[in-house]
Amino acid sequence: MNEYEEGFKLLEEKFGNGKDNAVALATIAREPNADGKPRPVVRTVDAYYEDGVFYVTTYGNSNKMRQIADNAEVSIAASPEMFTASGIGENLGWILDPKNAELRTKLRKAFAEWYDMANNEQDENCCILAIRLTRGTLNINHWEKLYHMDFVNKTMMENGGVF
């Protein structure tokens, strides 16, 4: 197993296996700041992880989804696990779309404690956000080992990775 595969396996152990993960999701605001520069926006979301992608149930007309429609570049952070990453956000559409059936089952199971309270599946704006990781850094045991991962090329990055 190479170093990338080792880091990828650790991500599965930390975030996978049907867990409900709280991650900070950063997007770019649709309106610039007073100086005309991009303004970041961050919020915590519940996310299900599988094979290099975090999945979130959300509302298609929410600010985050409108921001992602304008600029699909996003970043995430999971503080207890010391993982930071960049990725591409994608609206997979209505949760009840037949193409989402298998993923919907996994999300309902992972988010079982609160899923029905927070989601109105009959509303076609109830959707799935996929956050496809492109680059990330997993920090093991407070700097004991750093995995700077390029998820696109499935390799390790040099010189500090994401941040």
Protein backbone atom coordinates (compact mmCIF):
# COMPACT_ATOMS: atom_id res chain seq x y z
CA MET A 1 0.00 0.00 0.00
CA ASN A 2 1.46 3.38 -0.99
CA GLU A 3 1.20 6.54 1.12
CA TYR A 4 -1.82 7.90 -0.81
CA GLU A 5 -3.71 4.61 -0.35
CA GLU A 6 -2.78 4.65 3.35
CA GLY A 7 -4.20 8.18 3.77
CA PHE A 8 -7.31 7.33 1.75
CA LYS A 9 -7.91 4.29 3.99
CA LEU A 10 -7.57 6.49 7.08
CA LEU A 11 -10.21 8.84 5.70
CA GLU A 12 -12.59 5.90 5.32
CA GLU A 13 -11.88 4.82 8.92
CA LYS A 14 -12.42 8.34 10.29
CA PHE A 15 -15.38 9.48 8.19
CA GLY A 16 -16.82 6.43 6.41
CA ASN A 17 -18.74 3.38 7.54
CA GLY A 18 -22.08 5.17 7.56
CA LYS A 19 -21.11 7.92 10.03
CA ASP A 20 -22.84 11.29 10.36
CA ASN A 21 -19.93 13.76 10.22
CA ALA A 22 -20.13 17.43 11.18
CA VAL A 23 -17.92 19.35 8.75
CA ALA A 24 -17.44 23.05 8.11
CA LEU A 25 -18.33 23.87 4.51
CA ALA A 26 -16.95 27.07 2.97
CA THR A 27 -18.31 28.63 -0.20
CA ILE A 28 -17.82 31.99 -1.90
CA ALA A 29 -20.56 34.58 -1.35
CA ARG A 30 -22.47 35.74 -4.40
CA GLU A 31 -21.80 39.38 -3.49
CA PRO A 32 -18.23 40.68 -3.05
CA ASN A 33 -17.04 42.55 0.02
CA ALA A 34 -16.84 46.36 0.15
CA ASP A 35 -13.52 46.26 -1.74
CA GLY A 36 -15.01 44.15 -4.53
CA LYS A 37 -13.16 41.00 -3.47
CA PRO A 38 -14.62 37.51 -2.96
CA ARG A 39 -16.04 36.90 0.50
CA PRO A 40 -15.95 33.43 2.08
CA VAL A 41 -18.99 32.00 3.84
CA VAL A 42 -18.76 29.01 6.19
CA ARG A 43 -21.32 26.86 7.94
CA THR A 44 -21.44 23.43 9.59
CA VAL A 45 -23.23 20.65 7.72
CA ASP A 46 -23.88 16.99 8.43
CA ALA A 47 -22.11 14.90 5.83
CA TYR A 48 -21.91 11.25 4.85
CA TYR A 49 -18.53 10.17 3.41
CA GLU A 50 -17.88 7.54 0.78
CA ASP A 51 -14.96 7.04 -1.61
CA GLY A 52 -13.58 10.60 -1.66
CA VAL A 53 -16.97 12.35 -1.63
CA PHE A 54 -18.94 13.95 1.20
CA TYR A 55 -22.74 13.97 0.70
CA VAL A 56 -25.12 16.46 2.33
CA THR A 57 -28.91 16.66 2.25
CA THR A 58 -29.96 20.26 1.82
CA TYR A 59 -32.39 22.65 0.17
CA GLY A 60 -31.77 23.51 -3.47
CA ASN A 61 -32.62 27.21 -2.99
CA SER A 62 -30.45 27.68 0.10
CA ASN A 63 -27.68 30.25 0.05
CA LYS A 64 -25.01 27.56 -0.05
CA MET A 65 -26.54 25.90 -3.10
CA ARG A 66 -26.95 29.23 -4.91
CA GLN A 67 -23.34 30.08 -4.07
CA ILE A 68 -22.17 26.69 -5.37
CA ALA A 69 -24.18 27.17 -8.56
CA ASP A 70 -22.20 30.39 -9.13
CA ASN A 71 -18.83 28.95 -8.05
CA ALA A 72 -18.54 25.20 -7.46
CA GLU A 73 -15.18 25.51 -5.66
CA VAL A 74 -15.67 24.70 -1.96
CA SER A 75 -13.56 23.85 1.07
CA ILE A 76 -14.30 21.71 4.09
CA ALA A 77 -12.76 21.17 7.50
CA ALA A 78 -13.37 18.59 10.19
CA SER A 79 -11.80 19.90 13.36
CA PRO A 80 -11.74 16.84 15.63
CA GLU A 81 -10.13 14.81 12.84
CA MET A 82 -7.85 17.66 11.69
CA PHE A 83 -8.80 17.27 8.04
CA THR A 84 -8.99 20.15 5.59
CA ALA A 85 -9.80 19.83 1.91
CA SER A 86 -10.88 21.58 -1.25
CA GLY A 87 -13.38 20.15 -3.67
CA ILE A 88 -16.11 20.70 -6.19
CA GLY A 89 -19.72 20.99 -5.06
CA GLU A 90 -22.39 19.41 -7.24
CA ASN A 91 -26.16 19.40 -6.87
CA LEU A 92 -27.23 15.79 -7.54
CA GLY A 93 -30.87 16.84 -7.70
CA TRP A 94 -34.05 15.85 -5.95
CA ILE A 95 -33.56 13.27 -3.24
CA LEU A 96 -36.45 11.18 -4.64
CA ASP A 97 -35.05 11.10 -8.17
CA PRO A 98 -34.67 7.38 -8.99
CA LYS A 99 -30.97 7.90 -9.78
CA ASN A 100 -30.48 8.90 -6.11
CA ALA A 101 -32.31 5.89 -4.61
CA GLU A 102 -29.25 3.96 -3.38
CA LEU A 103 -27.55 7.07 -1.99
CA ARG A 104 -30.81 8.24 -0.38
CA THR A 105 -31.02 4.95 1.55
CA LYS A 106 -27.48 5.46 2.87
CA LEU A 107 -28.17 9.08 3.83
CA ARG A 108 -31.42 8.21 5.63
CA LYS A 109 -29.55 5.57 7.64
CA ALA A 110 -26.58 7.82 8.49
CA PHE A 111 -28.82 10.76 9.44
CA ALA A 112 -31.62 8.66 10.98
CA GLU A 113 -31.84 10.64 14.25
CA TRP A 114 -32.88 13.86 12.54
CA TYR A 115 -33.47 13.14 8.85
CA ASP A 116 -37.28 13.28 8.75
CA MET A 117 -37.41 16.37 10.96
CA ALA A 118 -34.99 18.32 8.72
CA ASN A 119 -35.94 17.15 5.22
CA ASN A 120 -39.18 17.40 3.27
CA GLU A 121 -38.59 14.82 0.56
CA GLN A 122 -41.85 15.71 -1.20
CA ASP A 123 -40.40 19.14 -2.01
CA GLU A 124 -38.40 18.81 -5.23
CA ASN A 125 -35.89 21.29 -3.80
CA CYS A 126 -34.86 18.72 -1.19
CA CYS A 127 -31.60 17.70 -2.80
CA ILE A 128 -28.23 16.04 -2.34
CA LEU A 129 -25.03 18.04 -2.43
CA ALA A 130 -21.94 16.05 -3.42
CA ILE A 131 -18.60 17.50 -2.36
CA ARG A 132 -16.03 15.77 -4.57
CA LEU A 133 -12.63 16.18 -2.94
CA THR A 134 -9.79 17.44 -5.11
CA ARG A 135 -7.03 18.13 -2.56
CA GLY A 136 -6.79 17.61 1.17
CA THR A 137 -4.54 17.34 4.18
CA LEU A 138 -5.14 14.80 6.93
CA ASN A 139 -3.21 15.60 10.10
CA ILE A 140 -2.63 12.52 12.29
CA ASN A 141 -1.92 12.94 16.02
CA HIS A 142 -1.23 16.68 15.89
CA TRP A 143 1.52 16.78 13.25
CA GLU A 144 2.92 13.29 13.84
CA LYS A 145 2.03 12.42 10.23
CA LEU A 146 0.59 14.58 7.46
CA TYR A 147 -1.11 13.18 4.37
CA HIS A 148 -1.23 15.83 1.63
CA MET A 149 -3.52 14.14 -0.86
CA ASP A 150 -4.33 14.91 -4.49
CA PHE A 151 -7.66 13.10 -4.97
CA VAL A 152 -7.82 13.81 -8.70
CA ASN A 153 -4.47 12.21 -9.56
CA LYS A 154 -4.56 9.80 -6.59
CA THR A 155 -1.11 10.86 -5.42
CA MET A 156 0.55 12.63 -2.54
CA MET A 157 1.39 16.33 -2.88
CA GLU A 158 4.61 17.94 -1.79
CA ASN A 159 5.21 21.31 -0.15
CA GLY A 160 2.33 21.42 2.29
CA GLY A 161 -0.70 20.22 0.41
CA VAL A 162 -3.85 22.32 0.77
CA PHE A 163 -3.10 24.85 3.52
